Amino acid sequence: MTLDNRPIHTGGCQCGAVRFRIEGALGKASICHCRMCQKAFGAFYAPLVSVDPATLRWTKREPDRFRSSTDVLRGFCSDCGTPLTYEAPEGPALSIGAFDDPSAVRPEIQFGCEGKLPYVDELPSLPVRSTQEDAGEHPYLADIRSFQHPDHD
């Protein structure tokens, strides 16, 4: 919290070259299933949270951007490829997974559901294993070291 009790949220890309700080409340958190978001994130959907641009500060460098449509820019780290922003005329949204504490940003709505993959709702029923449990089948996991930037500045 800041001195005036505004919440502080921080985050950035996987390698740490791009970092952000938000002082103030976050907007609506969502999941977008549209095909553009699937491709931009390389995933089944894009988890995003809108932010007031006046509260967003890039603390290292700004992301590079790709114009994915007539009205939208997508920000990403050109060093490690982490998707970071969805920038539309009404303002930016940040990738929830890029926050240092993504568990604090809970999605409240789903968009672009016409592109929703048919098996997404079945994912919670899949078997679950920890990385340690996988190490028996994939021995390299027992000694793997992460080069990812830590979830803090």
N, C-alpha and C. Protein backbone atom coordinates (compact mmCIF):
# COMPACT_ATOMS: atom_id res chain seq x y z
N MET A 1 0.84 -1.19 0.00
CA MET A 1 0.00 0.00 0.00
C MET A 1 0.88 1.25 0.00
N THR A 2 0.40 2.27 -0.65
CA THR A 2 1.09 3.55 -0.64
C THR A 2 0.68 4.32 0.61
N LEU A 3 1.29 5.47 0.81
CA LEU A 3 0.97 6.29 1.98
C LEU A 3 -0.50 6.68 2.02
N ASP A 4 -1.12 6.86 0.86
CA ASP A 4 -2.54 7.23 0.84
C ASP A 4 -3.45 6.00 0.71
N ASN A 5 -2.93 4.82 1.05
CA ASN A 5 -3.67 3.56 1.09
C ASN A 5 -4.15 3.04 -0.26
N ARG A 6 -3.56 3.51 -1.35
CA ARG A 6 -3.88 2.92 -2.65
C ARG A 6 -3.11 1.60 -2.78
N PRO A 7 -3.76 0.57 -3.29
CA PRO A 7 -3.04 -0.70 -3.47
C PRO A 7 -1.94 -0.56 -4.53
N ILE A 8 -0.90 -1.36 -4.38
CA ILE A 8 0.19 -1.39 -5.35
C ILE A 8 0.25 -2.79 -5.94
N HIS A 9 0.32 -2.86 -7.25
CA HIS A 9 0.45 -4.13 -7.98
C HIS A 9 1.69 -4.03 -8.85
N THR A 10 2.51 -5.08 -8.87
CA THR A 10 3.71 -5.09 -9.70
C THR A 10 3.74 -6.36 -10.53
N GLY A 11 4.54 -6.34 -11.56
CA GLY A 11 4.70 -7.52 -12.40
C GLY A 11 5.64 -7.24 -13.54
N GLY A 12 5.73 -8.20 -14.43
CA GLY A 12 6.61 -8.05 -15.58
C GLY A 12 6.74 -9.34 -16.36
N CYS A 13 7.67 -9.32 -17.26
CA CYS A 13 7.88 -10.47 -18.15
C CYS A 13 8.71 -11.55 -17.48
N GLN A 14 8.88 -12.65 -18.17
CA GLN A 14 9.60 -13.79 -17.62
C GLN A 14 11.07 -13.49 -17.37
N CYS A 15 11.71 -12.71 -18.24
CA CYS A 15 13.14 -12.44 -18.07
C CYS A 15 13.43 -11.21 -17.23
N GLY A 16 12.42 -10.39 -16.95
CA GLY A 16 12.60 -9.22 -16.11
C GLY A 16 12.99 -7.95 -16.86
N ALA A 17 13.09 -8.01 -18.17
CA ALA A 17 13.46 -6.82 -18.96
C ALA A 17 12.35 -5.77 -18.96
N VAL A 18 11.09 -6.20 -18.86
CA VAL A 18 9.95 -5.29 -18.83
C VAL A 18 9.25 -5.49 -17.49
N ARG A 19 9.09 -4.40 -16.74
CA ARG A 19 8.43 -4.45 -15.43
C ARG A 19 7.42 -3.32 -15.35
N PHE A 20 6.34 -3.55 -14.58
CA PHE A 20 5.33 -2.52 -14.41
C PHE A 20 4.94 -2.39 -12.94
N ARG A 21 4.32 -1.24 -12.65
CA ARG A 21 3.81 -0.95 -11.31
C ARG A 21 2.51 -0.19 -11.49
N ILE A 22 1.49 -0.60 -10.75
CA ILE A 22 0.20 0.06 -10.77
C ILE A 22 -0.09 0.52 -9.35
N GLU A 23 -0.36 1.80 -9.19
CA GLU A 23 -0.76 2.34 -7.88
C GLU A 23 -2.22 2.72 -7.99
N GLY A 24 -3.07 1.91 -7.40
CA GLY A 24 -4.50 2.13 -7.46
C GLY A 24 -5.23 0.84 -7.76
N ALA A 25 -6.53 0.94 -7.78
CA ALA A 25 -7.36 -0.24 -7.99
C ALA A 25 -7.25 -0.74 -9.43
N LEU A 26 -7.38 -2.02 -9.58
CA LEU A 26 -7.44 -2.63 -10.90
C LEU A 26 -8.88 -2.58 -11.40
N GLY A 27 -9.06 -2.70 -12.70
CA GLY A 27 -10.40 -2.75 -13.29
C GLY A 27 -10.93 -4.17 -13.29
N LYS A 28 -11.79 -4.44 -14.26
CA LYS A 28 -12.43 -5.75 -14.37
C LYS A 28 -11.45 -6.78 -14.93
N ALA A 29 -11.37 -7.91 -14.26
CA ALA A 29 -10.53 -9.02 -14.72
C ALA A 29 -11.39 -9.98 -15.53
N SER A 30 -10.83 -10.47 -16.63
CA SER A 30 -11.61 -11.31 -17.54
C SER A 30 -10.74 -12.37 -18.18
N ILE A 31 -11.42 -13.26 -18.86
CA ILE A 31 -10.78 -14.25 -19.72
C ILE A 31 -11.37 -14.05 -21.11
N CYS A 32 -10.50 -13.95 -22.11
CA CYS A 32 -10.99 -13.82 -23.48
C CYS A 32 -10.65 -15.07 -24.27
N HIS A 33 -11.65 -15.64 -24.90
CA HIS A 33 -11.50 -16.88 -25.67
C HIS A 33 -11.38 -16.64 -27.17
N CYS A 34 -11.37 -15.38 -27.63
CA CYS A 34 -11.35 -15.13 -29.08
C CYS A 34 -10.06 -15.68 -29.70
N ARG A 35 -10.11 -15.93 -30.98
CA ARG A 35 -8.98 -16.53 -31.67
C ARG A 35 -7.75 -15.64 -31.63
N MET A 36 -7.93 -14.32 -31.72
CA MET A 36 -6.77 -13.43 -31.65
C MET A 36 -6.06 -13.55 -30.31
N CYS A 37 -6.83 -13.61 -29.23
CA CYS A 37 -6.22 -13.76 -27.90
C CYS A 37 -5.55 -15.12 -27.75
N GLN A 38 -6.17 -16.16 -28.28
CA GLN A 38 -5.54 -17.49 -28.23
C GLN A 38 -4.17 -17.45 -28.90
N LYS A 39 -4.09 -16.83 -30.06
CA LYS A 39 -2.81 -16.77 -30.77
C LYS A 39 -1.82 -15.86 -30.07
N ALA A 40 -2.29 -14.72 -29.56
CA ALA A 40 -1.39 -13.76 -28.90
C ALA A 40 -0.75 -14.37 -27.66
N PHE A 41 -1.51 -15.20 -26.94
CA PHE A 41 -1.00 -15.82 -25.72
C PHE A 41 -0.44 -17.22 -25.95
N GLY A 42 -0.70 -17.79 -27.13
CA GLY A 42 -0.27 -19.17 -27.37
C GLY A 42 -0.94 -20.10 -26.38
N ALA A 43 -2.20 -19.82 -26.09
CA ALA A 43 -2.90 -20.55 -25.03
C ALA A 43 -4.38 -20.70 -25.38
N PHE A 44 -5.11 -21.41 -24.54
CA PHE A 44 -6.54 -21.64 -24.77
C PHE A 44 -7.35 -20.36 -24.67
N TYR A 45 -6.87 -19.39 -23.86
CA TYR A 45 -7.55 -18.12 -23.66
C TYR A 45 -6.56 -17.13 -23.08
N ALA A 46 -6.97 -15.86 -23.01
CA ALA A 46 -6.12 -14.81 -22.46
C ALA A 46 -6.73 -14.26 -21.18
N PRO A 47 -6.06 -14.41 -20.04
CA PRO A 47 -6.52 -13.80 -18.80
C PRO A 47 -5.99 -12.37 -18.72
N LEU A 48 -6.90 -11.39 -18.63
CA LEU A 48 -6.53 -9.98 -18.67
C LEU A 48 -7.25 -9.20 -17.58
N VAL A 49 -6.65 -8.10 -17.17
CA VAL A 49 -7.30 -7.18 -16.24
C VAL A 49 -7.10 -5.76 -16.76
N SER A 50 -8.18 -5.00 -16.83
CA SER A 50 -8.07 -3.62 -17.30
C SER A 50 -7.45 -2.75 -16.21
N VAL A 51 -6.72 -1.73 -16.65
CA VAL A 51 -6.09 -0.80 -15.72
C VAL A 51 -6.30 0.62 -16.21
N ASP A 52 -6.33 1.54 -15.28
CA ASP A 52 -6.39 2.96 -15.60
C ASP A 52 -4.99 3.35 -16.07
N PRO A 53 -4.84 3.88 -17.29
CA PRO A 53 -3.50 4.21 -17.77
C PRO A 53 -2.77 5.23 -16.89
N ALA A 54 -3.51 6.04 -16.15
CA ALA A 54 -2.88 7.02 -15.27
C ALA A 54 -2.19 6.36 -14.07
N THR A 55 -2.58 5.12 -13.76
CA THR A 55 -1.98 4.42 -12.61
C THR A 55 -0.86 3.47 -13.02
N LEU A 56 -0.68 3.25 -14.31
CA LEU A 56 0.31 2.29 -14.83
C LEU A 56 1.63 2.99 -15.12
N ARG A 57 2.70 2.42 -14.57
CA ARG A 57 4.04 2.94 -14.84
C ARG A 57 4.94 1.78 -15.23
N TRP A 58 5.66 1.94 -16.33
CA TRP A 58 6.65 0.95 -16.75
C TRP A 58 7.93 1.28 -16.01
N THR A 59 8.43 0.38 -15.15
CA THR A 59 9.54 0.69 -14.28
C THR A 59 10.90 0.30 -14.84
N LYS A 60 10.93 -0.54 -15.85
CA LYS A 60 12.19 -0.85 -16.52
C LYS A 60 12.09 -0.28 -17.93
N ARG A 61 11.53 -1.04 -18.82
CA ARG A 61 11.28 -0.51 -20.16
C ARG A 61 9.87 -0.88 -20.57
N GLU A 62 9.34 -0.19 -21.54
CA GLU A 62 8.01 -0.50 -22.05
C GLU A 62 8.08 -1.74 -22.92
N PRO A 63 6.96 -2.44 -23.05
CA PRO A 63 6.96 -3.60 -23.96
C PRO A 63 7.01 -3.14 -25.41
N ASP A 64 7.45 -4.03 -26.27
CA ASP A 64 7.31 -3.81 -27.70
C ASP A 64 5.86 -4.09 -28.02
N ARG A 65 5.42 -3.65 -29.19
CA ARG A 65 3.99 -3.80 -29.52
C ARG A 65 3.80 -4.32 -30.93
N PHE A 66 2.74 -5.10 -31.08
CA PHE A 66 2.30 -5.63 -32.37
C PHE A 66 0.86 -5.18 -32.58
N ARG A 67 0.57 -4.60 -33.74
CA ARG A 67 -0.81 -4.20 -34.05
C ARG A 67 -1.54 -5.44 -34.55
N SER A 68 -2.40 -6.00 -33.69
CA SER A 68 -3.10 -7.25 -34.04
C SER A 68 -4.39 -7.00 -34.79
N SER A 69 -4.88 -5.76 -34.78
CA SER A 69 -6.09 -5.41 -35.52
C SER A 69 -6.10 -3.90 -35.73
N THR A 70 -7.14 -3.40 -36.37
CA THR A 70 -7.20 -1.96 -36.66
C THR A 70 -7.16 -1.12 -35.39
N ASP A 71 -7.67 -1.61 -34.28
CA ASP A 71 -7.78 -0.80 -33.07
C ASP A 71 -6.99 -1.30 -31.87
N VAL A 72 -6.29 -2.41 -31.99
CA VAL A 72 -5.66 -3.01 -30.82
C VAL A 72 -4.17 -3.24 -31.03
N LEU A 73 -3.40 -2.86 -30.00
CA LEU A 73 -1.98 -3.19 -29.93
C LEU A 73 -1.80 -4.26 -28.86
N ARG A 74 -0.87 -5.16 -29.08
CA ARG A 74 -0.52 -6.20 -28.11
C ARG A 74 0.92 -5.96 -27.67
N GLY A 75 1.12 -5.76 -26.37
CA GLY A 75 2.45 -5.55 -25.85
C GLY A 75 3.08 -6.86 -25.42
N PHE A 76 4.39 -6.98 -25.64
CA PHE A 76 5.12 -8.19 -25.30
C PHE A 76 6.58 -7.85 -25.06
N CYS A 77 7.31 -8.73 -24.41
CA CYS A 77 8.74 -8.56 -24.24
C CYS A 77 9.44 -9.15 -25.45
N SER A 78 10.23 -8.34 -26.13
CA SER A 78 10.92 -8.85 -27.32
C SER A 78 12.12 -9.73 -26.94
N ASP A 79 12.52 -9.73 -25.67
CA ASP A 79 13.62 -10.59 -25.26
C ASP A 79 13.16 -12.02 -24.96
N CYS A 80 12.06 -12.16 -24.21
CA CYS A 80 11.63 -13.50 -23.80
C CYS A 80 10.28 -13.91 -24.39
N GLY A 81 9.55 -12.99 -25.00
CA GLY A 81 8.29 -13.32 -25.66
C GLY A 81 7.05 -13.27 -24.78
N THR A 82 7.17 -12.90 -23.52
CA THR A 82 6.01 -12.87 -22.63
C THR A 82 4.95 -11.91 -23.14
N PRO A 83 3.69 -12.37 -23.32
CA PRO A 83 2.61 -11.44 -23.66
C PRO A 83 2.26 -10.61 -22.43
N LEU A 84 2.12 -9.29 -22.62
CA LEU A 84 1.91 -8.40 -21.48
C LEU A 84 0.67 -7.53 -21.54
N THR A 85 0.31 -7.03 -22.73
CA THR A 85 -0.81 -6.08 -22.78
C THR A 85 -1.76 -6.35 -23.94
N TYR A 86 -2.96 -5.85 -23.74
CA TYR A 86 -3.99 -5.72 -24.77
C TYR A 86 -4.37 -4.26 -24.69
N GLU A 87 -4.07 -3.47 -25.71
CA GLU A 87 -4.27 -2.03 -25.65
C GLU A 87 -5.32 -1.62 -26.68
N ALA A 88 -6.52 -1.31 -26.19
CA ALA A 88 -7.66 -0.93 -27.02
C ALA A 88 -7.95 0.56 -26.80
N PRO A 89 -8.81 1.14 -27.64
CA PRO A 89 -9.13 2.57 -27.48
C PRO A 89 -9.64 2.94 -26.09
N GLU A 90 -10.36 2.05 -25.40
CA GLU A 90 -10.86 2.39 -24.07
C GLU A 90 -9.82 2.25 -22.98
N GLY A 91 -8.62 1.76 -23.31
CA GLY A 91 -7.55 1.66 -22.33
C GLY A 91 -6.86 0.32 -22.36
N PRO A 92 -5.78 0.20 -21.58
CA PRO A 92 -5.00 -1.04 -21.58
C PRO A 92 -5.54 -2.09 -20.62
N ALA A 93 -5.20 -3.32 -20.93
CA ALA A 93 -5.40 -4.45 -20.02
C ALA A 93 -4.07 -5.18 -19.95
N LEU A 94 -3.77 -5.72 -18.78
CA LEU A 94 -2.52 -6.44 -18.58
C LEU A 94 -2.78 -7.92 -18.40
N SER A 95 -1.81 -8.71 -18.79
CA SER A 95 -1.88 -10.15 -18.62
C SER A 95 -1.85 -10.48 -17.13
N ILE A 96 -2.86 -11.19 -16.67
CA ILE A 96 -2.93 -11.54 -15.24
C ILE A 96 -1.72 -12.39 -14.84
N GLY A 97 -1.29 -13.28 -15.71
CA GLY A 97 -0.14 -14.12 -15.40
C GLY A 97 1.17 -13.36 -15.25
N ALA A 98 1.24 -12.13 -15.74
CA ALA A 98 2.45 -11.32 -15.62
C ALA A 98 2.56 -10.60 -14.28
N PHE A 99 1.49 -10.61 -13.48
CA PHE A 99 1.54 -9.98 -12.16
C PHE A 99 2.41 -10.82 -11.23
N ASP A 100 3.09 -10.15 -10.31
CA ASP A 100 3.90 -10.88 -9.33
C ASP A 100 3.03 -11.77 -8.46
N ASP A 101 1.79 -11.38 -8.23
CA ASP A 101 0.85 -12.20 -7.47
C ASP A 101 -0.43 -12.37 -8.30
N PRO A 102 -0.40 -13.25 -9.30
CA PRO A 102 -1.59 -13.41 -10.14
C PRO A 102 -2.80 -13.96 -9.38
N SER A 103 -2.57 -14.59 -8.25
CA SER A 103 -3.71 -15.12 -7.47
C SER A 103 -4.58 -14.01 -6.91
N ALA A 104 -4.06 -12.78 -6.85
CA ALA A 104 -4.82 -11.65 -6.33
C ALA A 104 -5.75 -11.03 -7.37
N VAL A 105 -5.68 -11.51 -8.61
CA VAL A 105 -6.48 -10.94 -9.70
C VAL A 105 -7.40 -12.03 -10.24
N ARG A 106 -8.60 -12.08 -9.72
CA ARG A 106 -9.54 -13.14 -10.04
C ARG A 106 -10.46 -12.73 -11.19
N PRO A 107 -10.47 -13.48 -12.29
CA PRO A 107 -11.39 -13.16 -13.40
C PRO A 107 -12.85 -13.21 -12.95
N GLU A 108 -13.65 -12.27 -13.49
CA GLU A 108 -15.06 -12.20 -13.13
C GLU A 108 -16.00 -12.33 -14.32
N ILE A 109 -15.44 -12.42 -15.54
CA ILE A 109 -16.29 -12.56 -16.73
C ILE A 109 -15.45 -13.19 -17.85
N GLN A 110 -16.14 -13.85 -18.79
CA GLN A 110 -15.49 -14.42 -19.97
C GLN A 110 -16.03 -13.72 -21.21
N PHE A 111 -15.11 -13.39 -22.12
CA PHE A 111 -15.47 -12.75 -23.38
C PHE A 111 -15.06 -13.63 -24.55
N GLY A 112 -15.50 -13.27 -25.74
CA GLY A 112 -15.09 -13.97 -26.97
C GLY A 112 -15.43 -15.44 -26.97
N CYS A 113 -16.52 -15.80 -26.29
CA CYS A 113 -16.86 -17.21 -26.10
C CYS A 113 -17.21 -17.94 -27.40
N GLU A 114 -17.43 -17.19 -28.49
CA GLU A 114 -17.64 -17.86 -29.77
C GLU A 114 -16.38 -18.62 -30.19
N GLY A 115 -15.21 -18.23 -29.66
CA GLY A 115 -13.97 -18.92 -29.97
C GLY A 115 -13.53 -19.92 -28.92
N LYS A 116 -14.34 -20.10 -27.91
CA LYS A 116 -13.98 -20.99 -26.80
C LYS A 116 -13.79 -22.41 -27.32
N LEU A 117 -12.66 -22.99 -26.98
CA LEU A 117 -12.37 -24.36 -27.40
C LEU A 117 -13.29 -25.33 -26.66
N PRO A 118 -13.78 -26.36 -27.35
CA PRO A 118 -14.82 -27.21 -26.78
C PRO A 118 -14.42 -27.97 -25.51
N TYR A 119 -13.13 -28.13 -25.25
CA TYR A 119 -12.70 -28.92 -24.10
C TYR A 119 -12.27 -28.07 -22.91
N VAL A 120 -12.30 -26.76 -23.02
CA VAL A 120 -11.81 -25.90 -21.93
C VAL A 120 -12.56 -26.14 -20.62
N ASP A 121 -13.87 -26.30 -20.67
CA ASP A 121 -14.63 -26.52 -19.44
C ASP A 121 -14.34 -27.88 -18.80
N GLU A 122 -13.72 -28.78 -19.53
CA GLU A 122 -13.39 -30.11 -19.01
C GLU A 122 -12.01 -30.16 -18.36
N LEU A 123 -11.21 -29.10 -18.46
CA LEU A 123 -9.85 -29.12 -17.94
C LEU A 123 -9.77 -29.46 -16.45
N PRO A 124 -10.66 -28.97 -15.60
CA PRO A 124 -10.57 -29.33 -14.17
C PRO A 124 -10.73 -30.83 -13.89
N SER A 125 -11.28 -31.57 -14.82
CA SER A 125 -11.47 -33.01 -14.59
C SER A 125 -10.25 -33.84 -15.01
N LEU A 126 -9.23 -33.22 -15.58
CA LEU A 126 -8.03 -33.95 -15.98
C LEU A 126 -7.23 -34.37 -14.75
N PRO A 127 -6.45 -35.46 -14.85
CA PRO A 127 -5.59 -35.85 -13.74
C PRO A 127 -4.62 -34.71 -13.39
N VAL A 128 -4.23 -34.64 -12.13
CA VAL A 128 -3.36 -33.57 -11.63
C VAL A 128 -2.09 -34.19 -11.05
N ARG A 129 -0.93 -33.62 -11.44
CA ARG A 129 0.36 -34.07 -10.89
C ARG A 129 1.23 -32.86 -10.64
N SER A 130 2.05 -32.94 -9.60
CA SER A 130 3.01 -31.88 -9.30
C SER A 130 4.27 -32.10 -10.13
N THR A 131 5.12 -31.09 -10.19
CA THR A 131 6.39 -31.21 -10.91
C THR A 131 7.22 -32.33 -10.31
N GLN A 132 7.23 -32.44 -8.99
CA GLN A 132 8.00 -33.51 -8.33
C GLN A 132 7.49 -34.89 -8.76
N GLU A 133 6.18 -35.03 -8.89
CA GLU A 133 5.62 -36.31 -9.33
C GLU A 133 6.04 -36.63 -10.76
N ASP A 134 6.20 -35.61 -11.59
CA ASP A 134 6.62 -35.81 -12.98
C ASP A 134 8.10 -36.16 -13.10
N ALA A 135 8.90 -35.84 -12.08
CA ALA A 135 10.34 -36.07 -12.14
C ALA A 135 10.68 -37.55 -12.33
N GLY A 136 9.83 -38.44 -11.84
CA GLY A 136 10.07 -39.87 -12.04
C GLY A 136 10.02 -40.25 -13.52
N GLU A 137 9.11 -39.65 -14.25
CA GLU A 137 8.95 -39.91 -15.68
C GLU A 137 9.89 -39.06 -16.53
N HIS A 138 10.25 -37.88 -16.02
CA HIS A 138 11.10 -36.93 -16.73
C HIS A 138 12.22 -36.50 -15.77
N PRO A 139 13.30 -37.29 -15.68
CA PRO A 139 14.34 -37.06 -14.67
C PRO A 139 14.96 -35.66 -14.68
N TYR A 140 15.00 -34.98 -15.82
CA TYR A 140 15.61 -33.65 -15.85
C TYR A 140 14.88 -32.67 -14.92
N LEU A 141 13.61 -32.93 -14.62
CA LEU A 141 12.85 -32.02 -13.76
C LEU A 141 13.36 -32.00 -12.33
N ALA A 142 14.03 -33.06 -11.89
CA ALA A 142 14.54 -33.12 -10.52
C ALA A 142 15.63 -32.08 -10.28
N ASP A 143 16.39 -31.74 -11.31
CA ASP A 143 17.52 -30.81 -11.16
C ASP A 143 17.35 -29.51 -11.93
N ILE A 144 16.17 -29.25 -12.44
CA ILE A 144 15.98 -28.06 -13.27
C ILE A 144 16.14 -26.78 -12.43
N ARG A 145 16.80 -25.78 -13.01
CA ARG A 145 16.97 -24.49 -12.36
C ARG A 145 16.29 -23.44 -13.23
N SER A 146 15.50 -22.61 -12.63
CA SER A 146 14.79 -21.56 -13.35
C SER A 146 15.68 -20.33 -13.53
N PHE A 147 15.64 -19.75 -14.72
CA PHE A 147 16.31 -18.48 -14.98
C PHE A 147 15.29 -17.35 -15.05
N GLN A 148 14.08 -17.65 -14.66
CA GLN A 148 13.00 -16.66 -14.68
C GLN A 148 13.25 -15.59 -13.63
N HIS A 149 12.87 -14.36 -13.97
CA HIS A 149 12.97 -13.25 -13.03
C HIS A 149 12.07 -13.56 -11.83
N PRO A 150 12.51 -13.24 -10.61
CA PRO A 150 11.65 -13.52 -9.44
C PRO A 150 10.41 -12.64 -9.46
N ASP A 151 9.40 -13.05 -8.75
CA ASP A 151 8.15 -12.30 -8.71
C ASP A 151 8.23 -11.14 -7.71
N HIS A 152 9.20 -10.27 -7.91
CA HIS A 152 9.35 -9.05 -7.13
C HIS A 152 10.46 -8.22 -7.77
N ASP A 153 10.49 -6.94 -7.42
CA ASP A 153 11.57 -6.08 -7.92
C ASP A 153 12.78 -6.19 -7.03
